[in-house]
Amino acid sequence: MPRVPLNRDRAWACVLLNLGVPGWGSLKAGRPLAGMGEMVILIAGLVLFGTWMYEWLHGVFVTELGDPPPPAAAPWLWEWGIGLVGTSCVWTIITCVSIMREAKAQEKDLPPPRLSDLPKPPIL
């Protein structure tokens, strides 16, 4: 599939999409390696953090019910989870800056719009 050139509007749409879901805007901008990398790292971080959160909440509920507390959740789960999510976010911001720079560079190559190219207003 040929890569669609980035204009300023398309670049902004990709950036906002990328900030909402890291990786998705990169894929839409035609950067599959960055997009998949951002998504995989984000999902891995969320799985690790979710696993830690589940174990921690399970311990809280078991303790509240009066049973003996289970072993504490491994702290490396949340540490690595937050670290991976942060890495994905930093990579996303770098990609967003790159997308906007590419759009600006491609915009310089275009000739300025002419008034004769605008559609004529309807006659009333």
PDB file of N, CA and C in Angstrom:
ATOM      1  N   MET A   1       0.844  -1.169   0.000  1.00  0.00           N
ATOM      2  CA  MET A   1       0.000   0.000   0.000  1.00  0.00           C
ATOM      3  C   MET A   1       0.895   1.239   0.000  1.00  0.00           C
ATOM      4  N   PRO A   2       0.674   2.173  -0.937  1.00  0.00           N
ATOM      5  CA  PRO A   2       1.520   3.362  -0.987  1.00  0.00           C
ATOM      6  C   PRO A   2       1.259   4.272   0.209  1.00  0.00           C
ATOM      7  N   ARG A   3       2.299   4.938   0.600  1.00  0.00           N
ATOM      8  CA  ARG A   3       2.210   5.823   1.767  1.00  0.00           C
ATOM      9  C   ARG A   3       1.579   7.146   1.355  1.00  0.00           C
ATOM     10  N   VAL A   4       0.557   7.563   2.074  1.00  0.00           N
ATOM     11  CA  VAL A   4      -0.139   8.808   1.783  1.00  0.00           C
ATOM     12  C   VAL A   4       0.702   9.962   2.313  1.00  0.00           C
ATOM     13  N   PRO A   5       0.947  11.012   1.488  1.00  0.00           N
ATOM     14  CA  PRO A   5       1.734  12.136   1.999  1.00  0.00           C
ATOM     15  C   PRO A   5       1.014  12.837   3.156  1.00  0.00           C
ATOM     16  N   LEU A   6       1.806  13.311   4.080  1.00  0.00           N
ATOM     17  CA  LEU A   6       1.251  13.969   5.262  1.00  0.00           C
ATOM     18  C   LEU A   6       1.098  15.459   5.023  1.00  0.00           C
ATOM     19  N   ASN A   7      -0.124  15.958   5.107  1.00  0.00           N
ATOM     20  CA  ASN A   7      -0.314  17.399   5.168  1.00  0.00           C
ATOM     21  C   ASN A   7      -0.508  17.759   6.639  1.00  0.00           C
ATOM     22  N   ARG A   8      -0.678  19.033   6.908  1.00  0.00           N
ATOM     23  CA  ARG A   8      -0.749  19.458   8.303  1.00  0.00           C
ATOM     24  C   ARG A   8      -1.984  18.887   9.012  1.00  0.00           C
ATOM     25  N   ASP A   9      -3.121  18.874   8.332  1.00  0.00           N
ATOM     26  CA  ASP A   9      -4.342  18.363   8.964  1.00  0.00           C
ATOM     27  C   ASP A   9      -4.234  16.869   9.261  1.00  0.00           C
ATOM     28  N   ARG A  10      -3.719  16.111   8.302  1.00  0.00           N
ATOM     29  CA  ARG A  10      -3.563  14.666   8.515  1.00  0.00           C
ATOM     30  C   ARG A  10      -2.549  14.396   9.627  1.00  0.00           C
ATOM     31  N   ALA A  11      -1.490  15.193   9.673  1.00  0.00           N
ATOM     32  CA  ALA A  11      -0.483  15.022  10.724  1.00  0.00           C
ATOM     33  C   ALA A  11      -1.089  15.289  12.100  1.00  0.00           C
ATOM     34  N   TRP A  12      -1.899  16.349  12.226  1.00  0.00           N
ATOM     35  CA  TRP A  12      -2.530  16.635  13.516  1.00  0.00           C
ATOM     36  C   TRP A  12      -3.476  15.515  13.927  1.00  0.00           C
ATOM     37  N   ALA A  13      -4.209  14.981  12.952  1.00  0.00           N
ATOM     38  CA  ALA A  13      -5.114  13.871  13.269  1.00  0.00           C
ATOM     39  C   ALA A  13      -4.316  12.663  13.768  1.00  0.00           C
ATOM     40  N   CYS A  14      -3.196  12.374  13.121  1.00  0.00           N
ATOM     41  CA  CYS A  14      -2.361  11.241  13.552  1.00  0.00           C
ATOM     42  C   CYS A  14      -1.763  11.488  14.931  1.00  0.00           C
ATOM     43  N   VAL A  15      -1.348  12.717  15.191  1.00  0.00           N
ATOM     44  CA  VAL A  15      -0.763  13.043  16.503  1.00  0.00           C
ATOM     45  C   VAL A  15      -1.805  12.885  17.606  1.00  0.00           C
ATOM     46  N   LEU A  16      -3.010  13.420  17.389  1.00  0.00           N
ATOM     47  CA  LEU A  16      -4.045  13.297  18.422  1.00  0.00           C
ATOM     48  C   LEU A  16      -4.450  11.842  18.633  1.00  0.00           C
ATOM     49  N   LEU A  17      -4.520  11.090  17.558  1.00  0.00           N
ATOM     50  CA  LEU A  17      -4.827   9.664  17.679  1.00  0.00           C
ATOM     51  C   LEU A  17      -3.716   8.940  18.429  1.00  0.00           C
ATOM     52  N   ASN A  18      -2.472   9.320  18.150  1.00  0.00           N
ATOM     53  CA  ASN A  18      -1.322   8.702  18.801  1.00  0.00           C
ATOM     54  C   ASN A  18      -1.290   9.025  20.292  1.00  0.00           C
ATOM     55  N   LEU A  19      -1.708  10.230  20.668  1.00  0.00           N
ATOM     56  CA  LEU A  19      -1.728  10.582  22.086  1.00  0.00           C
ATOM     57  C   LEU A  19      -2.859   9.868  22.809  1.00  0.00           C
ATOM     58  N   GLY A  20      -3.938   9.552  22.099  1.00  0.00           N
ATOM     59  CA  GLY A  20      -5.036   8.802  22.703  1.00  0.00           C
ATOM     60  C   GLY A  20      -4.695   7.341  22.888  1.00  0.00           C
ATOM     61  N   VAL A  21      -4.162   6.719  21.852  1.00  0.00           N
ATOM     62  CA  VAL A  21      -3.759   5.310  21.883  1.00  0.00           C
ATOM     63  C   VAL A  21      -2.364   5.226  21.269  1.00  0.00           C
ATOM     64  N   PRO A  22      -1.324   5.172  22.099  1.00  0.00           N
ATOM     65  CA  PRO A  22       0.028   5.144  21.552  1.00  0.00           C
ATOM     66  C   PRO A  22       0.216   4.034  20.522  1.00  0.00           C
ATOM     67  N   GLY A  23       0.705   4.426  19.364  1.00  0.00           N
ATOM     68  CA  GLY A  23       0.971   3.475  18.290  1.00  0.00           C
ATOM     69  C   GLY A  23      -0.031   3.552  17.159  1.00  0.00           C
ATOM     70  N   TRP A  24      -1.278   3.852  17.466  1.00  0.00           N
ATOM     71  CA  TRP A  24      -2.313   3.864  16.448  1.00  0.00           C
ATOM     72  C   TRP A  24      -2.097   5.010  15.458  1.00  0.00           C
ATOM     73  N   GLY A  25      -1.790   6.191  15.964  1.00  0.00           N
ATOM     74  CA  GLY A  25      -1.522   7.331  15.086  1.00  0.00           C
ATOM     75  C   GLY A  25      -0.265   7.120  14.259  1.00  0.00           C
ATOM     76  N   SER A  26       0.726   6.452  14.830  1.00  0.00           N
ATOM     77  CA  SER A  26       1.948   6.146  14.076  1.00  0.00           C
ATOM     78  C   SER A  26       1.643   5.213  12.918  1.00  0.00           C
ATOM     79  N   LEU A  27       0.779   4.235  13.159  1.00  0.00           N
ATOM     80  CA  LEU A  27       0.379   3.329  12.082  1.00  0.00           C
ATOM     81  C   LEU A  27      -0.367   4.090  10.996  1.00  0.00           C
ATOM     82  N   LYS A  28      -1.265   4.996  11.371  1.00  0.00           N
ATOM     83  CA  LYS A  28      -2.019   5.779  10.402  1.00  0.00           C
ATOM     84  C   LYS A  28      -1.117   6.731   9.613  1.00  0.00           C
ATOM     85  N   ALA A  29      -0.019   7.158  10.229  1.00  0.00           N
ATOM     86  CA  ALA A  29       0.915   8.062   9.559  1.00  0.00           C
ATOM     87  C   ALA A  29       1.879   7.309   8.651  1.00  0.00           C
ATOM     88  N   GLY A  30       1.773   5.987   8.615  1.00  0.00           N
ATOM     89  CA  GLY A  30       2.639   5.206   7.736  1.00  0.00           C
ATOM     90  C   GLY A  30       3.950   4.796   8.378  1.00  0.00           C
ATOM     91  N   ARG A  31       3.965   4.647   9.672  1.00  0.00           N
ATOM     92  CA  ARG A  31       5.173   4.219  10.390  1.00  0.00           C
ATOM     93  C   ARG A  31       4.875   2.932  11.154  1.00  0.00           C
ATOM     94  N   PRO A  32       4.902   1.797  10.441  1.00  0.00           N
ATOM     95  CA  PRO A  32       4.490   0.544  11.071  1.00  0.00           C
ATOM     96  C   PRO A  32       5.422   0.073  12.184  1.00  0.00           C
ATOM     97  N   LEU A  33       6.723   0.257  12.040  1.00  0.00           N
ATOM     98  CA  LEU A  33       7.657  -0.199  13.070  1.00  0.00           C
ATOM     99  C   LEU A  33       7.442   0.570  14.372  1.00  0.00           C
ATOM    100  N   ALA A  34       7.353   1.893  14.265  1.00  0.00           N
ATOM    101  CA  ALA A  34       7.128   2.708  15.467  1.00  0.00           C
ATOM    102  C   ALA A  34       5.762   2.402  16.065  1.00  0.00           C
ATOM    103  N   GLY A  35       4.751   2.291  15.230  1.00  0.00           N
ATOM    104  CA  GLY A  35       3.402   2.045  15.731  1.00  0.00           C
ATOM    105  C   GLY A  35       3.281   0.722  16.463  1.00  0.00           C
ATOM    106  N   MET A  36       3.776  -0.337  15.855  1.00  0.00           N
ATOM    107  CA  MET A  36       3.691  -1.650  16.502  1.00  0.00           C
ATOM    108  C   MET A  36       4.564  -1.695  17.754  1.00  0.00           C
ATOM    109  N   GLY A  37       5.734  -1.073  17.702  1.00  0.00           N
ATOM    110  CA  GLY A  37       6.609  -1.035  18.875  1.00  0.00           C
ATOM    111  C   GLY A  37       5.956  -0.324  20.044  1.00  0.00           C
ATOM    112  N   GLU A  38       5.343   0.833  19.767  1.00  0.00           N
ATOM    113  CA  GLU A  38       4.671   1.582  20.829  1.00  0.00           C
ATOM    114  C   GLU A  38       3.525   0.767  21.419  1.00  0.00           C
ATOM    115  N   MET A  39       2.753   0.123  20.554  1.00  0.00           N
ATOM    116  CA  MET A  39       1.608  -0.657  21.040  1.00  0.00           C
ATOM    117  C   MET A  39       2.039  -1.864  21.865  1.00  0.00           C
ATOM    118  N   VAL A  40       3.054  -2.589  21.387  1.00  0.00           N
ATOM    119  CA  VAL A  40       3.503  -3.797  22.092  1.00  0.00           C
ATOM    120  C   VAL A  40       4.060  -3.428  23.465  1.00  0.00           C
ATOM    121  N   ILE A  41       4.862  -2.384  23.531  1.00  0.00           N
ATOM    122  CA  ILE A  41       5.434  -1.972  24.810  1.00  0.00           C
ATOM    123  C   ILE A  41       4.331  -1.494  25.757  1.00  0.00           C
ATOM    124  N   LEU A  42       3.365  -0.740  25.230  1.00  0.00           N
ATOM    125  CA  LEU A  42       2.260  -0.270  26.064  1.00  0.00           C
ATOM    126  C   LEU A  42       1.448  -1.436  26.614  1.00  0.00           C
ATOM    127  N   ILE A  43       1.102  -2.385  25.758  1.00  0.00           N
ATOM    128  CA  ILE A  43       0.289  -3.526  26.202  1.00  0.00           C
ATOM    129  C   ILE A  43       1.055  -4.372  27.219  1.00  0.00           C
ATOM    130  N   ALA A  44       2.344  -4.588  26.997  1.00  0.00           N
ATOM    131  CA  ALA A  44       3.139  -5.355  27.960  1.00  0.00           C
ATOM    132  C   ALA A  44       3.164  -4.653  29.318  1.00  0.00           C
ATOM    133  N   GLY A  45       3.337  -3.339  29.312  1.00  0.00           N
ATOM    134  CA  GLY A  45       3.343  -2.588  30.563  1.00  0.00           C
ATOM    135  C   GLY A  45       2.007  -2.641  31.273  1.00  0.00           C
ATOM    136  N   LEU A  46       0.917  -2.535  30.498  1.00  0.00           N
ATOM    137  CA  LEU A  46      -0.407  -2.593  31.115  1.00  0.00           C
ATOM    138  C   LEU A  46      -0.710  -3.979  31.672  1.00  0.00           C
ATOM    139  N   VAL A  47      -0.240  -5.027  31.007  1.00  0.00           N
ATOM    140  CA  VAL A  47      -0.450  -6.390  31.522  1.00  0.00           C
ATOM    141  C   VAL A  47       0.315  -6.585  32.824  1.00  0.00           C
ATOM    142  N   LEU A  48       1.552  -6.126  32.874  1.00  0.00           N
ATOM    143  CA  LEU A  48       2.336  -6.271  34.109  1.00  0.00           C
ATOM    144  C   LEU A  48       1.705  -5.486  35.253  1.00  0.00           C
ATOM    145  N   PHE A  49       1.321  -4.247  34.976  1.00  0.00           N
ATOM    146  CA  PHE A  49       0.711  -3.432  36.031  1.00  0.00           C
ATOM    147  C   PHE A  49      -0.635  -4.010  36.448  1.00  0.00           C
ATOM    148  N   GLY A  50      -1.415  -4.488  35.485  1.00  0.00           N
ATOM    149  CA  GLY A  50      -2.710  -5.105  35.809  1.00  0.00           C
ATOM    150  C   GLY A  50      -2.562  -6.356  36.653  1.00  0.00           C
ATOM    151  N   THR A  51      -1.536  -7.151  36.360  1.00  0.00           N
ATOM    152  CA  THR A  51      -1.278  -8.348  37.155  1.00  0.00           C
ATOM    153  C   THR A  51      -0.940  -7.971  38.595  1.00  0.00           C
ATOM    154  N   TRP A  52      -0.092  -6.977  38.762  1.00  0.00           N
ATOM    155  CA  TRP A  52       0.251  -6.521  40.111  1.00  0.00           C
ATOM    156  C   TRP A  52      -0.988  -5.997  40.824  1.00  0.00           C
ATOM    157  N   MET A  53      -1.809  -5.208  40.112  1.00  0.00           N
ATOM    158  CA  MET A  53      -3.012  -4.637  40.721  1.00  0.00           C
ATOM    159  C   MET A  53      -3.984  -5.738  41.149  1.00  0.00           C
ATOM    160  N   TYR A  54      -4.134  -6.766  40.336  1.00  0.00           N
ATOM    161  CA  TYR A  54      -5.017  -7.885  40.685  1.00  0.00           C
ATOM    162  C   TYR A  54      -4.522  -8.584  41.948  1.00  0.00           C
ATOM    163  N   GLU A  55      -3.212  -8.883  41.994  1.00  0.00           N
ATOM    164  CA  GLU A  55      -2.662  -9.568  43.171  1.00  0.00           C
ATOM    165  C   GLU A  55      -2.793  -8.704  44.421  1.00  0.00           C
ATOM    166  N   TRP A  56      -2.568  -7.424  44.295  1.00  0.00           N
ATOM    167  CA  TRP A  56      -2.650  -6.516  45.434  1.00  0.00           C
ATOM    168  C   TRP A  56      -4.090  -6.422  45.940  1.00  0.00           C
ATOM    169  N   LEU A  57      -5.043  -6.243  45.010  1.00  0.00           N
ATOM    170  CA  LEU A  57      -6.451  -6.154  45.421  1.00  0.00           C
ATOM    171  C   LEU A  57      -6.949  -7.481  46.004  1.00  0.00           C
ATOM    172  N   HIS A  58      -6.479  -8.579  45.462  1.00  0.00           N
ATOM    173  CA  HIS A  58      -6.846  -9.885  45.999  1.00  0.00           C
ATOM    174  C   HIS A  58      -6.389  -9.993  47.463  1.00  0.00           C
ATOM    175  N   GLY A  59      -5.174  -9.548  47.731  1.00  0.00           N
ATOM    176  CA  GLY A  59      -4.667  -9.565  49.104  1.00  0.00           C
ATOM    177  C   GLY A  59      -5.482  -8.682  50.027  1.00  0.00           C
ATOM    178  N   VAL A  60      -5.890  -7.516  49.531  1.00  0.00           N
ATOM    179  CA  VAL A  60      -6.704  -6.604  50.337  1.00  0.00           C
ATOM    180  C   VAL A  60      -8.048  -7.245  50.665  1.00  0.00           C
ATOM    181  N   PHE A  61      -8.713  -7.816  49.657  1.00  0.00           N
ATOM    182  CA  PHE A  61     -10.029  -8.416  49.895  1.00  0.00           C
ATOM    183  C   PHE A  61      -9.949  -9.635  50.812  1.00  0.00           C
ATOM    184  N   VAL A  62      -8.927 -10.464  50.625  1.00  0.00           N
ATOM    185  CA  VAL A  62      -8.781 -11.645  51.477  1.00  0.00           C
ATOM    186  C   VAL A  62      -8.549 -11.221  52.926  1.00  0.00           C
ATOM    187  N   THR A  63      -7.751 -10.195  53.133  1.00  0.00           N
ATOM    188  CA  THR A  63      -7.474  -9.701  54.486  1.00  0.00           C
ATOM    189  C   THR A  63      -8.749  -9.127  55.116  1.00  0.00           C
ATOM    190  N   GLU A  64      -9.534  -8.390  54.323  1.00  0.00           N
ATOM    191  CA  GLU A  64     -10.781  -7.809  54.848  1.00  0.00           C
ATOM    192  C   GLU A  64     -11.791  -8.879  55.232  1.00  0.00           C
ATOM    193  N   LEU A  65     -11.746 -10.026  54.563  1.00  0.00           N
ATOM    194  CA  LEU A  65     -12.673 -11.111  54.881  1.00  0.00           C
ATOM    195  C   LEU A  65     -12.234 -11.912  56.098  1.00  0.00           C
ATOM    196  N   GLY A  66     -11.056 -11.601  56.628  1.00  0.00           N
ATOM    197  CA  GLY A  66     -10.604 -12.255  57.845  1.00  0.00           C
ATOM    198  C   GLY A  66      -9.700 -13.446  57.613  1.00  0.00           C
ATOM    199  N   ASP A  67      -9.385 -13.770  56.395  1.00  0.00           N
ATOM    200  CA  ASP A  67      -8.463 -14.870  56.107  1.00  0.00           C
ATOM    201  C   ASP A  67      -7.033 -14.375  56.255  1.00  0.00           C
ATOM    202  N   PRO A  68      -6.094 -15.308  56.390  1.00  0.00           N
ATOM    203  CA  PRO A  68      -4.694 -14.868  56.473  1.00  0.00           C
ATOM    204  C   PRO A  68      -4.259 -14.250  55.140  1.00  0.00           C
ATOM    205  N   PRO A  69      -3.472 -13.190  55.202  1.00  0.00           N
ATOM    206  CA  PRO A  69      -3.075 -12.513  53.964  1.00  0.00           C
ATOM    207  C   PRO A  69      -2.162 -13.398  53.106  1.00  0.00           C
ATOM    208  N   PRO A  70      -2.365 -13.346  51.792  1.00  0.00           N
ATOM    209  CA  PRO A  70      -1.477 -14.090  50.901  1.00  0.00           C
ATOM    210  C   PRO A  70      -0.133 -13.370  50.794  1.00  0.00           C
ATOM    211  N   PRO A  71       0.854 -13.993  50.177  1.00  0.00           N
ATOM    212  CA  PRO A  71       2.132 -13.293  49.995  1.00  0.00           C
ATOM    213  C   PRO A  71       1.930 -12.005  49.200  1.00  0.00           C
ATOM    214  N   ALA A  72       2.729 -11.031  49.514  1.00  0.00           N
ATOM    215  CA  ALA A  72       2.610  -9.730  48.840  1.00  0.00           C
ATOM    216  C   ALA A  72       2.936  -9.872  47.355  1.00  0.00           C
ATOM    217  N   ALA A  73       2.301  -9.023  46.552  1.00  0.00           N
ATOM    218  CA  ALA A  73       2.571  -9.007  45.108  1.00  0.00           C
ATOM    219  C   ALA A  73       4.007  -8.544  44.874  1.00  0.00           C
ATOM    220  N   ALA A  74       4.626  -9.125  43.869  1.00  0.00           N
ATOM    221  CA  ALA A  74       6.014  -8.777  43.560  1.00  0.00           C
ATOM    222  C   ALA A  74       6.088  -7.317  43.105  1.00  0.00           C
ATOM    223  N   PRO A  75       6.931  -6.515  43.748  1.00  0.00           N
ATOM    224  CA  PRO A  75       6.988  -5.092  43.383  1.00  0.00           C
ATOM    225  C   PRO A  75       7.548  -4.847  41.982  1.00  0.00           C
ATOM    226  N   TRP A  76       8.297  -5.800  41.441  1.00  0.00           N
ATOM    227  CA  TRP A  76       8.850  -5.581  40.104  1.00  0.00           C
ATOM    228  C   TRP A  76       7.752  -5.528  39.056  1.00  0.00           C
ATOM    229  N   LEU A  77       6.574  -6.101  39.340  1.00  0.00           N
ATOM    230  CA  LEU A  77       5.483  -6.062  38.361  1.00  0.00           C
ATOM    231  C   LEU A  77       5.021  -4.629  38.103  1.00  0.00           C
ATOM    232  N   TRP A  78       4.764  -3.877  39.163  1.00  0.00           N
ATOM    233  CA  TRP A  78       4.306  -2.512  38.936  1.00  0.00           C
ATOM    234  C   TRP A  78       5.448  -1.612  38.486  1.00  0.00           C
ATOM    235  N   GLU A  79       6.661  -1.882  38.973  1.00  0.00           N
ATOM    236  CA  GLU A  79       7.798  -1.053  38.569  1.00  0.00           C
ATOM    237  C   GLU A  79       8.058  -1.184  37.073  1.00  0.00           C
ATOM    238  N   TRP A  80       8.129  -2.422  36.579  1.00  0.00           N
ATOM    239  CA  TRP A  80       8.353  -2.644  35.150  1.00  0.00           C
ATOM    240  C   TRP A  80       7.137  -2.198  34.334  1.00  0.00           C
ATOM    241  N   GLY A  81       5.942  -2.413  34.872  1.00  0.00           N
ATOM    242  CA  GLY A  81       4.735  -2.000  34.157  1.00  0.00           C
ATOM    243  C   GLY A  81       4.700  -0.503  33.923  1.00  0.00           C
ATOM    244  N   ILE A  82       4.912   0.266  34.980  1.00  0.00           N
ATOM    245  CA  ILE A  82       4.924   1.727  34.846  1.00  0.00           C
ATOM    246  C   ILE A  82       6.083   2.171  33.956  1.00  0.00           C
ATOM    247  N   GLY A  83       7.229   1.524  34.081  1.00  0.00           N
ATOM    248  CA  GLY A  83       8.375   1.872  33.241  1.00  0.00           C
ATOM    249  C   GLY A  83       8.106   1.638  31.763  1.00  0.00           C
ATOM    250  N   LEU A  84       7.469   0.514  31.443  1.00  0.00           N
ATOM    251  CA  LEU A  84       7.161   0.229  30.038  1.00  0.00           C
ATOM    252  C   LEU A  84       6.111   1.178  29.487  1.00  0.00           C
ATOM    253  N   VAL A  85       5.099   1.501  30.274  1.00  0.00           N
ATOM    254  CA  VAL A  85       4.093   2.464  29.820  1.00  0.00           C
ATOM    255  C   VAL A  85       4.746   3.827  29.598  1.00  0.00           C
ATOM    256  N   GLY A  86       5.622   4.232  30.497  1.00  0.00           N
ATOM    257  CA  GLY A  86       6.346   5.500  30.329  1.00  0.00           C
ATOM    258  C   GLY A  86       7.223   5.498  29.094  1.00  0.00           C
ATOM    259  N   THR A  87       7.899   4.375  28.845  1.00  0.00           N
ATOM    260  CA  THR A  87       8.735   4.259  27.643  1.00  0.00           C
ATOM    261  C   THR A  87       7.892   4.388  26.389  1.00  0.00           C
ATOM    262  N   SER A  88       6.737   3.752  26.385  1.00  0.00           N
ATOM    263  CA  SER A  88       5.841   3.843  25.243  1.00  0.00           C
ATOM    264  C   SER A  88       5.375   5.283  25.026  1.00  0.00           C
ATOM    265  N   CYS A  89       5.081   5.982  26.107  1.00  0.00           N
ATOM    266  CA  CYS A  89       4.629   7.374  25.993  1.00  0.00           C
ATOM    267  C   CYS A  89       5.740   8.284  25.472  1.00  0.00           C
ATOM    268  N   VAL A  90       6.953   8.080  25.931  1.00  0.00           N
ATOM    269  CA  VAL A  90       8.079   8.889  25.442  1.00  0.00           C
ATOM    270  C   VAL A  90       8.311   8.618  23.953  1.00  0.00           C
ATOM    271  N   TRP A  91       8.282   7.347  23.555  1.00  0.00           N
ATOM    272  CA  TRP A  91       8.450   6.985  22.154  1.00  0.00           C
ATOM    273  C   TRP A  91       7.327   7.613  21.316  1.00  0.00           C
ATOM    274  N   THR A  92       6.117   7.633  21.854  1.00  0.00           N
ATOM    275  CA  THR A  92       4.984   8.231  21.159  1.00  0.00           C
ATOM    276  C   THR A  92       5.200   9.717  20.940  1.00  0.00           C
ATOM    277  N   ILE A  93       5.679  10.423  21.949  1.00  0.00           N
ATOM    278  CA  ILE A  93       5.910  11.864  21.819  1.00  0.00           C
ATOM    279  C   ILE A  93       6.997  12.136  20.787  1.00  0.00           C
ATOM    280  N   ILE A  94       8.046  11.335  20.783  1.00  0.00           N
ATOM    281  CA  ILE A  94       9.111  11.497  19.785  1.00  0.00           C
ATOM    282  C   ILE A  94       8.557  11.265  18.383  1.00  0.00           C
ATOM    283  N   THR A  95       7.718  10.252  18.222  1.00  0.00           N
ATOM    284  CA  THR A  95       7.120   9.978  16.916  1.00  0.00           C
ATOM    285  C   THR A  95       6.191  11.111  16.500  1.00  0.00           C
ATOM    286  N   CYS A  96       5.434  11.668  17.440  1.00  0.00           N
ATOM    287  CA  CYS A  96       4.537  12.784  17.123  1.00  0.00           C
ATOM    288  C   CYS A  96       5.320  13.994  16.615  1.00  0.00           C
ATOM    289  N   VAL A  97       6.431  14.297  17.259  1.00  0.00           N
ATOM    290  CA  VAL A  97       7.272  15.409  16.802  1.00  0.00           C
ATOM    291  C   VAL A  97       7.789  15.120  15.399  1.00  0.00           C
ATOM    292  N   SER A  98       8.200  13.890  15.153  1.00  0.00           N
ATOM    293  CA  SER A  98       8.690  13.499  13.841  1.00  0.00           C
ATOM    294  C   SER A  98       7.605  13.620  12.771  1.00  0.00           C
ATOM    295  N   ILE A  99       6.377  13.236  13.107  1.00  0.00           N
ATOM    296  CA  ILE A  99       5.260  13.338  12.157  1.00  0.00           C
ATOM    297  C   ILE A  99       5.005  14.796  11.810  1.00  0.00           C
ATOM    298  N   MET A 100       4.997  15.666  12.796  1.00  0.00           N
ATOM    299  CA  MET A 100       4.752  17.092  12.528  1.00  0.00           C
ATOM    300  C   MET A 100       5.889  17.711  11.713  1.00  0.00           C
ATOM    301  N   ARG A 101       7.111  17.302  11.981  1.00  0.00           N
ATOM    302  CA  ARG A 101       8.239  17.815  11.182  1.00  0.00           C
ATOM    303  C   ARG A 101       8.142  17.359   9.730  1.00  0.00           C
ATOM    304  N   GLU A 102       7.759  16.114   9.539  1.00  0.00           N
ATOM    305  CA  GLU A 102       7.610  15.611   8.176  1.00  0.00           C
ATOM    306  C   GLU A 102       6.514  16.367   7.438  1.00  0.00           C
ATOM    307  N   ALA A 103       5.409  16.633   8.113  1.00  0.00           N
ATOM    308  CA  ALA A 103       4.312  17.372   7.482  1.00  0.00           C
ATOM    309  C   ALA A 103       4.743  18.786   7.131  1.00  0.00           C
ATOM    310  N   LYS A 104       5.503  19.411   8.011  1.00  0.00           N
ATOM    311  CA  LYS A 104       5.979  20.771   7.745  1.00  0.00           C
ATOM    312  C   LYS A 104       6.947  20.788   6.571  1.00  0.00           C
ATOM    313  N   ALA A 105       7.820  19.790   6.489  1.00  0.00           N
ATOM    314  CA  ALA A 105       8.772  19.721   5.377  1.00  0.00           C
ATOM    315  C   ALA A 105       8.050  19.483   4.055  1.00  0.00           C
ATOM    316  N   GLN A 106       7.031  18.638   4.056  1.00  0.00           N
ATOM    317  CA  GLN A 106       6.295  18.381   2.827  1.00  0.00           C
ATOM    318  C   GLN A 106       5.446  19.579   2.434  1.00  0.00           C
ATOM    319  N   GLU A 107       5.012  20.361   3.413  1.00  0.00           N
ATOM    320  CA  GLU A 107       4.221  21.553   3.120  1.00  0.00           C
ATOM    321  C   GLU A 107       5.068  22.627   2.451  1.00  0.00           C
ATOM    322  N   LYS A 108       6.354  22.699   2.782  1.00  0.00           N
ATOM    323  CA  LYS A 108       7.252  23.678   2.159  1.00  0.00           C
ATOM    324  C   LYS A 108       7.433  23.403   0.675  1.00  0.00           C
ATOM    325  N   ASP A 109       7.355  22.130   0.285  1.00  0.00           N
ATOM    326  CA  ASP A 109       7.560  21.757  -1.108  1.00  0.00           C
ATOM    327  C   ASP A 109       6.362  22.108  -1.987  1.00  0.00           C
ATOM    328  N   LEU A 110       5.205  22.334  -1.384  1.00  0.00           N
ATOM    329  CA  LEU A 110       4.008  22.637  -2.159  1.00  0.00           C
ATOM    330  C   LEU A 110       3.972  24.112  -2.525  1.00  0.00           C
ATOM    331  N   PRO A 111       3.476  24.436  -3.716  1.00  0.00           N
ATOM    332  CA  PRO A 111       3.339  25.856  -4.058  1.00  0.00           C
ATOM    333  C   PRO A 111       2.192  26.467  -3.256  1.00  0.00           C
ATOM    334  N   PRO A 112       2.228  27.762  -3.025  1.00  0.00           N
ATOM    335  CA  PRO A 112       1.147  28.387  -2.269  1.00  0.00           C
ATOM    336  C   PRO A 112      -0.160  28.320  -3.060  1.00  0.00           C
ATOM    337  N   PRO A 113      -1.287  28.298  -2.385  1.00  0.00           N
ATOM    338  CA  PRO A 113      -2.565  28.229  -3.110  1.00  0.00           C
ATOM    339  C   PRO A 113      -2.830  29.521  -3.883  1.00  0.00           C
ATOM    340  N   ARG A 114      -3.510  29.389  -5.023  1.00  0.00           N
ATOM    341  CA  ARG A 114      -3.868  30.551  -5.829  1.00  0.00           C
ATOM    342  C   ARG A 114      -5.359  30.802  -5.689  1.00  0.00           C
ATOM    343  N   LEU A 115      -5.740  32.061  -5.807  1.00  0.00           N
ATOM    344  CA  LEU A 115      -7.155  32.399  -5.690  1.00  0.00           C
ATOM    345  C   LEU A 115      -7.973  31.790  -6.817  1.00  0.00           C
ATOM    346  N   SER A 116      -7.353  31.619  -7.982  1.00  0.00           N
ATOM    347  CA  SER A 116      -8.099  31.050  -9.107  1.00  0.00           C
ATOM    348  C   SER A 116      -8.428  29.576  -8.884  1.00  0.00           C
ATOM    349  N   ASP A 117      -7.732  28.922  -7.941  1.00  0.00           N
ATOM    350  CA  ASP A 117      -8.008  27.514  -7.657  1.00  0.00           C
ATOM    351  C   ASP A 117      -9.208  27.328  -6.734  1.00  0.00           C
ATOM    352  N   LEU A 118      -9.654  28.399  -6.087  1.00  0.00           N
ATOM    353  CA  LEU A 118     -10.789  28.298  -5.162  1.00  0.00           C
ATOM    354  C   LEU A 118     -12.088  28.126  -5.954  1.00  0.00           C
ATOM    355  N   PRO A 119     -13.034  27.408  -5.399  1.00  0.00           N
ATOM    356  CA  PRO A 119     -14.313  27.266  -6.098  1.00  0.00           C
ATOM    357  C   PRO A 119     -15.063  28.608  -6.130  1.00  0.00           C
ATOM    358  N   LYS A 120     -15.802  28.810  -7.207  1.00  0.00           N
ATOM    359  CA  LYS A 120     -16.564  30.052  -7.359  1.00  0.00           C
ATOM    360  C   LYS A 120     -17.789  29.997  -6.443  1.00  0.00           C
ATOM    361  N   PRO A 121     -18.151  31.120  -5.821  1.00  0.00           N
ATOM    362  CA  PRO A 121     -19.336  31.128  -4.975  1.00  0.00           C
ATOM    363  C   PRO A 121     -20.601  31.016  -5.831  1.00  0.00           C
ATOM    364  N   PRO A 122     -21.634  30.458  -5.259  1.00  0.00           N
ATOM    365  CA  PRO A 122     -22.865  30.316  -6.052  1.00  0.00           C
ATOM    366  C   PRO A 122     -23.499  31.677  -6.321  1.00  0.00           C
ATOM    367  N   ILE A 123     -24.148  31.773  -7.458  1.00  0.00           N
ATOM    368  CA  ILE A 123     -24.848  33.002  -7.826  1.00  0.00           C
ATOM    369  C   ILE A 123     -26.255  32.928  -7.239  1.00  0.00           C
ATOM    370  N   LEU A 124     -26.623  33.949  -6.480  1.00  0.00           N
ATOM    371  CA  LEU A 124     -27.942  33.950  -5.854  1.00  0.00           C
ATOM    372  C   LEU A 124     -28.946  34.683  -6.678  1.00  0.00           C
TER     373      LEU A 124
END
